[in-house]
Protein backbone atom coordinates (compact mmCIF):
# COMPACT_ATOMS: atom_id res chain seq x y z
CA MET A 1 43.49 -69.64 -11.28
CA ASN A 2 46.37 -71.26 -12.17
CA PHE A 3 45.82 -74.24 -14.36
CA SER A 4 47.69 -77.25 -14.91
CA SER A 5 48.03 -80.01 -17.96
CA SER A 6 46.93 -82.86 -15.29
CA GLN A 7 43.37 -83.51 -15.02
CA ALA A 8 42.92 -82.68 -11.18
CA SER A 9 43.96 -79.13 -11.37
CA GLY A 10 43.67 -77.22 -14.99
CA ARG A 11 43.35 -73.38 -13.89
CA ARG A 12 45.24 -71.36 -13.78
CA SER A 13 47.94 -72.48 -14.95
CA LEU A 14 47.48 -71.35 -17.89
CA ARG A 15 49.96 -69.56 -17.62
CA THR A 16 53.75 -69.28 -18.44
CA ARG A 17 55.06 -72.78 -18.80
CA ALA A 18 58.13 -72.60 -17.97
CA ALA A 19 60.41 -74.63 -15.86
CA ALA A 20 60.90 -73.61 -12.53
CA ILE A 21 63.55 -74.70 -10.01
CA GLY A 22 62.32 -77.40 -7.73
CA VAL A 23 63.54 -76.40 -4.76
CA THR A 24 62.80 -76.15 -0.74
CA VAL A 25 63.69 -72.69 0.68
CA CYS A 26 63.24 -71.37 4.16
CA LEU A 27 61.81 -67.74 4.31
CA GLY A 28 62.63 -64.56 6.42
CA ALA A 29 65.06 -63.75 8.89
CA THR A 30 62.33 -64.50 11.51
CA LEU A 31 62.04 -67.60 10.58
CA ALA A 32 63.08 -71.00 11.67
CA ALA A 33 65.28 -73.13 9.96
CA CYS A 34 64.63 -75.75 7.79
CA GLY A 35 63.69 -78.53 9.55
CA SER A 36 63.68 -77.15 12.56
CA SER A 37 62.85 -79.12 15.53
CA ASP A 38 60.15 -76.80 16.59
CA GLY A 39 58.04 -76.60 13.59
CA GLY A 40 55.50 -78.46 14.77
CA SER A 41 54.93 -76.53 18.03
CA SER A 42 51.29 -75.42 18.78
CA SER A 43 51.95 -73.03 21.75
CA SER A 44 51.17 -69.64 21.12
CA GLY A 45 54.83 -68.69 21.92
CA ASP A 46 56.73 -70.49 19.55
CA LYS A 47 56.47 -71.26 15.62
CA VAL A 48 54.05 -73.10 13.61
CA GLY A 49 55.45 -75.35 10.94
CA VAL A 50 53.51 -74.58 7.40
CA SER A 51 54.61 -76.18 3.93
CA LEU A 52 53.63 -74.24 0.96
CA ILE A 53 53.91 -76.39 -1.76
CA LEU A 54 53.36 -75.02 -5.53
CA LYS A 55 53.17 -75.50 -8.86
CA THR A 56 56.31 -73.24 -10.25
CA LEU A 57 58.24 -70.88 -8.94
CA THR A 58 58.90 -68.84 -12.16
CA ASN A 59 54.61 -68.31 -13.15
CA PRO A 60 53.88 -64.34 -11.43
CA TYR A 61 50.95 -65.85 -10.08
CA PHE A 62 52.47 -68.43 -7.88
CA VAL A 63 55.18 -65.92 -6.74
CA SER A 64 52.26 -63.93 -5.79
CA MET A 65 51.32 -66.96 -3.09
CA GLN A 66 54.90 -67.41 -2.04
CA LYS A 67 55.52 -63.53 -1.17
CA ASP A 68 51.91 -62.79 0.94
CA ALA A 69 52.54 -66.27 2.68
CA LYS A 70 55.91 -65.10 3.77
CA ALA A 71 54.49 -62.06 4.76
CA GLN A 72 52.01 -63.76 6.96
CA ALA A 73 54.26 -66.22 8.22
CA ALA A 74 56.37 -63.09 9.56
CA LYS A 75 52.85 -62.33 10.99
CA ASP A 76 51.48 -64.85 12.71
CA ASN A 77 55.44 -66.66 14.00
CA VAL A 78 55.06 -68.93 11.25
CA SER A 79 58.25 -71.44 10.39
CA LEU A 80 57.71 -71.45 6.94
CA THR A 81 59.36 -73.68 4.09
CA VAL A 82 58.23 -73.32 0.03
CA ALA A 83 58.76 -76.23 -2.13
CA ALA A 84 57.68 -76.44 -6.37
CA GLY A 85 58.10 -78.21 -9.17
CA GLN A 86 60.78 -78.35 -11.48
CA SER A 87 58.30 -77.58 -13.82
CA ASP A 88 54.07 -77.68 -14.63
CA GLY A 89 52.78 -81.38 -14.09
CA ASP A 90 56.28 -82.12 -11.80
CA THR A 91 54.41 -84.47 -9.09
CA GLN A 92 57.52 -86.05 -7.81
CA THR A 93 58.80 -82.73 -6.32
CA GLN A 94 55.61 -82.28 -5.06
CA ILE A 95 55.38 -85.20 -2.98
CA THR A 96 58.68 -85.03 -1.96
CA ALA A 97 57.55 -81.98 -0.20
CA VAL A 98 54.94 -83.51 1.54
CA ASP A 99 56.50 -86.02 3.12
CA ASN A 100 59.13 -83.71 4.05
CA ALA A 101 56.64 -81.86 5.76
CA ILE A 102 55.20 -85.01 7.65
CA SER A 103 58.84 -85.75 9.17
CA ARG A 104 59.29 -82.44 9.70
CA GLY A 105 56.58 -82.65 11.88
CA ASP A 106 55.02 -79.57 10.11
CA LYS A 107 51.05 -78.79 11.36
CA GLY A 108 49.76 -77.57 7.84
CA ILE A 109 50.53 -77.79 3.72
CA LEU A 110 48.83 -75.48 1.84
CA ILE A 111 49.13 -76.60 -2.03
CA THR A 112 48.32 -76.15 -5.38
CA THR A 113 48.80 -79.20 -6.79
CA ASN A 114 50.44 -80.15 -10.16
CA GLY A 115 48.45 -83.94 -10.38
CA ASP A 116 46.33 -86.38 -8.36
CA ALA A 117 49.92 -88.65 -7.85
CA VAL A 118 49.88 -86.67 -5.21
CA ASN A 119 46.89 -87.51 -3.84
CA ALA A 120 48.42 -90.38 -1.57
CA ALA A 121 51.01 -88.20 -0.11
CA LEU A 122 48.40 -85.65 0.83
CA THR A 123 46.34 -88.64 2.76
CA ARG A 124 49.31 -90.06 4.81
CA ALA A 125 49.91 -85.94 5.74
CA LYS A 126 46.17 -85.78 7.05
CA GLN A 127 46.72 -89.46 8.77
CA ALA A 128 49.68 -87.91 10.45
CA GLY A 129 47.73 -84.50 11.82
CA LEU A 130 48.52 -82.26 9.34
CA PHE A 131 45.76 -80.01 8.25
CA VAL A 132 45.84 -79.79 4.32
CA ILE A 133 44.35 -76.36 2.41
CA ALA A 134 44.16 -76.67 -1.51
CA LEU A 135 45.12 -73.58 -3.29
CA ASP A 136 43.34 -71.94 -6.35
CA THR A 137 42.06 -75.19 -7.19
CA ALA A 138 40.02 -77.98 -5.96
CA LEU A 139 41.73 -81.77 -5.79
CA ASN A 140 40.48 -84.81 -7.26
CA PRO A 141 38.56 -85.16 -5.19
CA ALA A 142 38.00 -82.10 -3.07
CA SER A 143 37.81 -84.09 -0.21
CA THR A 144 41.79 -85.02 -0.50
CA ALA A 145 42.38 -81.68 1.25
CA ASP A 146 40.47 -80.20 4.54
CA ILE A 147 39.31 -77.32 2.83
CA THR A 148 40.25 -75.72 -0.94
CA TYR A 149 40.65 -71.90 -1.05
CA ALA A 150 39.86 -70.64 -4.31
CA THR A 151 38.15 -67.84 -6.52
CA ASP A 152 34.66 -68.60 -7.64
CA ASN A 153 35.47 -69.29 -11.46
CA GLU A 154 31.99 -69.79 -12.36
CA GLN A 155 30.88 -66.52 -10.96
CA ALA A 156 34.27 -65.07 -12.77
CA GLY A 157 33.08 -66.10 -16.33
CA ARG A 158 29.44 -65.20 -15.42
CA LEU A 159 30.62 -61.55 -14.81
CA ASN A 160 32.54 -61.29 -18.04
CA GLY A 161 29.41 -62.75 -19.52
CA GLN A 162 27.05 -60.24 -18.20
CA TYR A 163 29.51 -57.50 -19.59
CA ALA A 164 29.27 -59.39 -22.90
CA ALA A 165 25.28 -59.21 -23.30
CA ALA A 166 25.14 -55.84 -22.15
CA ALA A 167 27.86 -54.23 -24.39
CA LEU A 168 26.32 -56.08 -27.24
CA ASN A 169 23.15 -53.62 -26.54
CA GLY A 170 21.15 -56.43 -28.63
CA LYS A 171 23.50 -57.38 -31.44
CA PRO A 172 23.76 -60.17 -32.74
CA ALA A 173 27.02 -61.93 -31.25
CA VAL A 174 29.24 -64.39 -33.19
CA ILE A 175 31.52 -65.96 -30.01
CA ALA A 176 34.78 -67.32 -29.64
CA MET A 177 34.99 -69.73 -26.74
CA LEU A 178 38.81 -70.32 -26.08
CA ASP A 179 38.82 -72.60 -23.70
CA LEU A 180 41.51 -74.33 -21.92
CA PHE A 181 41.38 -78.27 -23.27
CA ASN A 182 39.27 -80.24 -25.57
CA ASN A 183 40.80 -83.84 -24.70
CA GLN A 184 40.29 -83.48 -20.84
CA VAL A 185 37.39 -82.26 -18.27
CA VAL A 186 39.21 -80.09 -15.76
CA SER A 187 36.77 -77.99 -13.29
CA VAL A 188 38.50 -74.59 -14.05
CA ASP A 189 37.57 -75.10 -17.19
CA ILE A 190 33.97 -76.55 -16.81
CA ASP A 191 33.11 -73.49 -14.34
CA ARG A 192 34.84 -70.84 -16.47
CA ASP A 193 33.12 -71.32 -19.73
CA HIS A 194 29.79 -72.18 -18.41
CA GLY A 195 29.61 -68.88 -16.19
CA PHE A 196 30.47 -66.98 -19.08
CA LEU A 197 27.32 -68.59 -21.35
CA GLU A 198 25.42 -68.19 -18.30
CA GLY A 199 26.27 -64.34 -17.91
CA MET A 200 25.29 -63.84 -21.65
CA GLY A 201 22.01 -65.91 -20.74
CA ILE A 202 22.76 -68.80 -23.02
CA ASP A 203 22.70 -72.49 -21.46
CA PRO A 204 25.72 -74.27 -21.46
CA GLY A 205 23.88 -77.78 -22.19
CA SER A 206 26.02 -79.73 -19.77
CA LYS A 207 26.93 -79.69 -16.26
CA THR A 208 29.84 -81.62 -16.92
CA GLU A 209 31.72 -80.40 -20.77
CA ASN A 210 32.50 -78.17 -22.72
CA ALA A 211 30.67 -77.22 -25.88
CA LYS A 212 27.21 -78.98 -24.83
CA GLU A 213 25.43 -75.39 -25.70
CA ALA A 214 22.85 -75.01 -28.72
CA LYS A 215 25.22 -73.27 -31.28
CA THR A 216 22.68 -70.69 -32.83
CA GLY A 217 19.56 -69.24 -30.49
CA LYS A 218 19.01 -66.27 -28.26
CA TYR A 219 21.14 -64.43 -25.34
CA THR A 220 18.95 -63.06 -22.68
CA GLY A 221 21.24 -61.06 -20.89
CA GLY A 222 21.26 -57.75 -21.27
CA LYS A 223 18.96 -56.35 -24.24
CA GLY A 224 19.28 -59.86 -25.90
CA GLY A 225 19.80 -60.91 -29.23
CA THR A 226 20.37 -63.60 -31.28
CA TYR A 227 24.23 -65.20 -31.19
CA THR A 228 26.27 -67.76 -33.03
CA VAL A 229 28.83 -69.69 -31.33
CA ALA A 230 31.38 -69.60 -33.55
CA CYS A 231 33.84 -72.30 -31.78
CA HIS A 232 35.37 -74.17 -29.36
CA GLN A 233 39.03 -74.02 -29.36
CA PRO A 234 41.76 -74.99 -26.43
CA THR A 235 44.45 -72.97 -25.64
CA GLN A 236 46.35 -74.88 -22.83
CA GLY A 237 46.18 -71.36 -20.80
CA ALA A 238 49.29 -69.94 -22.92
CA ILE A 239 49.77 -67.35 -25.56
CA ASP A 240 50.97 -69.63 -28.25
CA GLY A 241 47.66 -71.74 -27.33
CA GLY A 242 45.64 -68.74 -27.51
CA ARG A 243 47.08 -67.02 -30.90
CA THR A 244 46.15 -70.65 -32.79
CA ALA A 245 43.18 -70.74 -31.51
CA MET A 246 41.98 -67.41 -32.28
CA GLU A 247 43.14 -68.01 -35.61
CA ASN A 248 41.25 -70.82 -36.13
CA CYS A 249 37.98 -69.26 -34.65
CA LEU A 250 38.50 -66.36 -37.88
CA SER A 251 39.11 -69.58 -40.31
CA ALA A 252 35.81 -70.34 -39.56
CA ASN A 253 33.59 -67.37 -39.24
CA PRO A 254 35.28 -63.98 -39.66
CA ASP A 255 32.59 -61.92 -38.12
CA ILE A 256 33.36 -62.92 -34.66
CA ASN A 257 32.79 -59.93 -32.68
CA VAL A 258 32.75 -61.66 -28.73
CA VAL A 259 35.80 -63.92 -27.61
CA TYR A 260 35.67 -65.52 -23.94
CA ALA A 261 39.38 -66.02 -22.90
CA ILE A 262 39.93 -68.80 -19.97
CA ASN A 263 42.95 -66.38 -18.87
CA GLU A 264 44.83 -63.61 -19.84
CA PRO A 265 47.88 -65.45 -21.53
CA ALA A 266 44.77 -66.99 -23.75
CA GLY A 267 43.39 -63.58 -24.38
CA GLU A 268 46.82 -61.56 -25.03
CA GLY A 269 47.24 -64.80 -27.88
CA ALA A 270 43.34 -63.84 -29.41
CA TYR A 271 44.27 -60.33 -29.62
CA ASN A 272 47.92 -61.08 -31.42
CA ALA A 273 45.91 -63.35 -33.69
CA LEU A 274 42.80 -60.51 -34.00
CA LYS A 275 45.42 -57.72 -34.97
CA ALA A 276 47.48 -59.79 -37.33
CA ALA A 277 44.03 -60.33 -39.68
CA GLY A 278 43.26 -56.36 -38.91
CA LYS A 279 40.18 -57.07 -36.69
CA GLU A 280 41.33 -56.16 -33.65
CA LYS A 281 38.30 -53.93 -33.46
CA ASN A 282 36.23 -55.79 -34.43
CA ALA A 283 36.05 -58.45 -31.52
CA ALA A 284 36.09 -57.46 -27.50
CA ILE A 285 38.30 -60.22 -25.41
CA TYR A 286 36.98 -61.22 -22.09
CA ALA A 287 39.94 -62.40 -19.75
CA ILE A 288 40.31 -63.55 -16.07
CA ASP A 289 43.05 -63.14 -13.68
CA GLY A 290 43.65 -60.16 -12.21
CA SER A 291 47.40 -59.72 -13.24
CA CYS A 292 48.89 -56.12 -13.17
CA SER A 293 49.74 -56.54 -16.91
CA GLY A 294 46.51 -57.83 -17.46
CA LEU A 295 44.91 -54.88 -15.87
CA LYS A 296 46.98 -52.73 -18.12
CA ASN A 297 45.74 -54.83 -21.30
CA VAL A 298 42.18 -53.30 -19.91
CA THR A 299 43.15 -49.57 -19.80
CA SER A 300 45.24 -50.08 -23.76
CA GLY A 301 41.93 -51.64 -24.89
CA LYS A 302 43.10 -54.80 -25.63
CA PHE A 303 40.79 -56.83 -23.06
CA ALA A 304 37.33 -55.35 -22.32
CA THR A 305 37.52 -56.90 -19.38
CA ASP A 306 39.35 -59.05 -16.80
CA ALA A 307 38.15 -60.59 -14.02
CA VAL A 308 40.10 -60.52 -11.41
CA GLN A 309 41.62 -63.03 -8.76
CA TYR A 310 43.61 -62.93 -5.45
CA PRO A 311 46.16 -65.61 -5.47
CA GLY A 312 48.46 -63.46 -2.64
CA LYS A 313 45.25 -63.66 -0.30
CA MET A 314 44.70 -67.48 -0.96
CA ALA A 315 48.05 -68.25 0.61
CA ALA A 316 47.71 -65.38 3.59
CA LEU A 317 45.09 -67.04 4.83
CA GLY A 318 45.80 -70.96 4.47
CA VAL A 319 48.94 -69.25 6.34
CA SER A 320 46.88 -67.71 9.41
CA SER A 321 43.99 -70.45 9.31
CA ILE A 322 46.63 -73.06 10.46
CA ALA A 323 48.66 -71.63 12.87
CA LYS A 324 44.90 -70.19 14.58
CA LEU A 325 44.31 -73.94 14.48
CA ALA A 326 47.56 -75.25 16.00
CA ARG A 327 47.25 -72.70 18.74
CA GLY A 328 43.77 -74.24 19.65
CA GLY A 329 41.48 -72.01 17.44
CA SER A 330 38.71 -73.84 15.35
CA LYS A 331 39.30 -75.18 11.60
CA PRO A 332 38.13 -72.75 8.75
CA SER A 333 34.73 -73.52 7.38
CA VAL A 334 33.53 -73.19 3.82
CA THR A 335 31.78 -69.79 2.35
CA ASN A 336 28.19 -70.22 3.27
CA GLY A 337 26.52 -72.11 0.40
CA LYS A 338 29.79 -73.23 -1.45
CA SER A 339 31.67 -76.30 -0.99
CA PHE A 340 35.30 -73.85 -0.95
CA TYR A 341 36.30 -71.12 0.64
CA ASP A 342 35.54 -68.36 -1.79
CA THR A 343 38.38 -65.86 -1.27
CA GLY A 344 36.64 -63.19 -3.77
CA THR A 345 36.60 -61.74 -7.69
CA ALA A 346 35.57 -58.69 -9.33
CA LEU A 347 34.82 -57.38 -12.48
CA VAL A 348 37.52 -54.57 -13.90
CA ALA A 349 36.65 -52.60 -16.72
CA ASP A 350 36.81 -48.99 -18.16
CA LYS A 351 33.31 -48.18 -17.61
CA SER A 352 30.03 -49.90 -16.31
CA LEU A 353 27.34 -50.89 -18.59
CA GLY A 354 24.20 -52.50 -17.25
CA GLY A 355 24.02 -52.08 -13.82
CA LEU A 356 26.70 -54.01 -13.41
CA SER A 357 29.55 -53.17 -10.77
CA VAL A 358 32.65 -52.59 -11.59
CA GLN A 359 36.54 -52.04 -10.75
CA SER A 360 38.83 -49.30 -13.10
CA PRO A 361 42.16 -50.54 -13.53
CA SER A 362 43.54 -48.23 -11.76
CA GLN A 363 41.51 -49.21 -8.34
CA ALA A 364 41.91 -52.89 -8.94
CA ALA A 365 45.86 -52.28 -9.51
CA SER A 366 45.96 -52.19 -5.39
CA ALA A 367 45.27 -55.92 -5.44
CA CYS A 368 46.82 -56.98 -8.73
CA TRP A 369 49.69 -59.50 -8.81
CA GLY A 370 53.00 -59.69 -10.95
CA SER A 371 54.36 -56.92 -13.05
């Protein structure tokens, strides 16, 4: 998931906040030049114009999307144009990229939006006949896009919570909840937080807000036991934010033994704080992302688990879907029983507990992203 600081798109970019150069590039020697007059052609022998519009081009999560989209474009005879914001939250560059896609006559747009301000431009694109696919996080409202390709974030959190409950083996749980924000509501933040609690067998207490669960009680996952929620702290999905959040949580309760982290950077920061306090062996960290470096943290023991997601798969499927649609194929449909197309998740751990299905870090490495 990648998260944005905007209301509309929280996941994921929980990650690097470094500034990226806003750029529009045509990819691959076999792809048509930017602005090519045949970008919108739909005949089977001609290239189909598709725009991939990302939050930034420095975050490894989005670099993975770019890489796999480029590879799929070469297979599908697609003229792919890639654009990105200068930084996370830069909506103006994305709006310009949408308008450029319309002017070029592209057949579709794939976007990881930087905020609701892009919605009007995407509506113009749909009115002009472009098919719009949101990647990673649903737009606000979701109907702004024709379909969303994303991870089931609630399920990712749930897998971590189930494992945490099994690992406790009936022992009392003292839980730190390291969320994305505490001053705005973002779907990925809610879904992952609530999924983790549900996996442990704790009622989140609300369908739309975090931190509404009973702060003490019994968890019913695994063998069951008593729990205390020591804290809910915002991390902004960053390493520094994770460390500060964990420090605050330890000040509130030094006996924390379960740490839910909204993403890998928040988990990294939490580990740093625990290590500085000499408590890194006392608390298990449950993260979400699936980067190659995150899997190494499972191998090393920094993370107990990592619920993985597949950003490259989202982008590749998006390219393929628009190419097929432009050549007379049917529109893509959502996963049965869900409001989006689920690109999958899996739990990575060094061993299975409680009968849960897990992948080893080495097994998951074949689909990880980043370095």
